[in-house]
C-alpha cells in the first residue's frame, strides 16, 4: 500500500513527514473537539 499525500501540489512520499503531519493534524483535531462543547 502506497500512501501519497498531496501537500502544496507536491506528492509527499516520505513516511516520517506524513506521520508528523498526521500527528499534528490529529492533535489540532482533538483539541478542537475538546474545545467545541465548551464554546457551544
C-alpha atoms as a PDB file:
ATOM      1  CA  UNK A   1       0.000   0.000   0.000  1.00  0.00           C
ATOM      2  CA  UNK A   2       1.479   3.319  -1.106  1.00  0.00           C
ATOM      3  CA  UNK A   3       0.437   6.411   0.810  1.00  0.00           C
ATOM      4  CA  UNK A   4       0.781   9.668  -1.099  1.00  0.00           C
ATOM      5  CA  UNK A   5      -0.336  12.931   0.476  1.00  0.00           C
ATOM      6  CA  UNK A   6      -0.594  15.950  -1.788  1.00  0.00           C
ATOM      7  CA  UNK A   7       0.864  18.931   0.081  1.00  0.00           C
ATOM      8  CA  UNK A   8       1.098  22.260  -1.728  1.00  0.00           C
ATOM      9  CA  UNK A   9       0.615  20.396  -5.017  1.00  0.00           C
ATOM     10  CA  UNK A  10       3.611  18.115  -4.406  1.00  0.00           C
ATOM     11  CA  UNK A  11       3.237  14.385  -3.624  1.00  0.00           C
ATOM     12  CA  UNK A  12       4.922  13.573  -0.335  1.00  0.00           C
ATOM     13  CA  UNK A  13       6.233  10.020  -0.115  1.00  0.00           C
ATOM     14  CA  UNK A  14       8.358  10.442   2.998  1.00  0.00           C
ATOM     15  CA  UNK A  15       6.675   8.354   5.701  1.00  0.00           C
ATOM     16  CA  UNK A  16       8.216  10.372   8.546  1.00  0.00           C
ATOM     17  CA  UNK A  17       6.926  13.639   7.071  1.00  0.00           C
ATOM     18  CA  UNK A  18       3.476  12.090   6.613  1.00  0.00           C
ATOM     19  CA  UNK A  19       3.443  10.815  10.207  1.00  0.00           C
ATOM     20  CA  UNK A  20       4.456  14.240  11.536  1.00  0.00           C
ATOM     21  CA  UNK A  21       1.729  15.976   9.528  1.00  0.00           C
ATOM     22  CA  UNK A  22      -0.889  13.411  10.549  1.00  0.00           C
ATOM     23  CA  UNK A  23       0.028  13.666  14.230  1.00  0.00           C
ATOM     24  CA  UNK A  24      -0.063  17.463  14.019  1.00  0.00           C
ATOM     25  CA  UNK A  25      -3.475  17.462  12.303  1.00  0.00           C
ATOM     26  CA  UNK A  26      -4.734  14.850  14.793  1.00  0.00           C
ATOM     27  CA  UNK A  27      -3.611  16.984  17.748  1.00  0.00           C
ATOM     28  CA  UNK A  28      -5.347  20.057  16.304  1.00  0.00           C
ATOM     29  CA  UNK A  29      -8.462  17.984  15.555  1.00  0.00           C
ATOM     30  CA  UNK A  30      -8.605  16.520  19.082  1.00  0.00           C
ATOM     31  CA  UNK A  31      -8.041  19.948  20.685  1.00  0.00           C
ATOM     32  CA  UNK A  32     -10.855  21.339  18.514  1.00  0.00           C
ATOM     33  CA  UNK A  33     -13.161  18.519  19.631  1.00  0.00           C
ATOM     34  CA  UNK A  34     -12.314  19.092  23.296  1.00  0.00           C
ATOM     35  CA  UNK A  35     -12.959  22.849  22.959  1.00  0.00           C
ATOM     36  CA  UNK A  36     -16.162  22.591  20.907  1.00  0.00           C
ATOM     37  CA  UNK A  37     -18.601  21.509  23.680  1.00  0.00           C
ATOM     38  CA  UNK A  38     -17.383  24.295  25.989  1.00  0.00           C
ATOM     39  CA  UNK A  39     -17.660  27.020  23.364  1.00  0.00           C
ATOM     40  CA  UNK A  40     -21.142  25.899  22.335  1.00  0.00           C
END
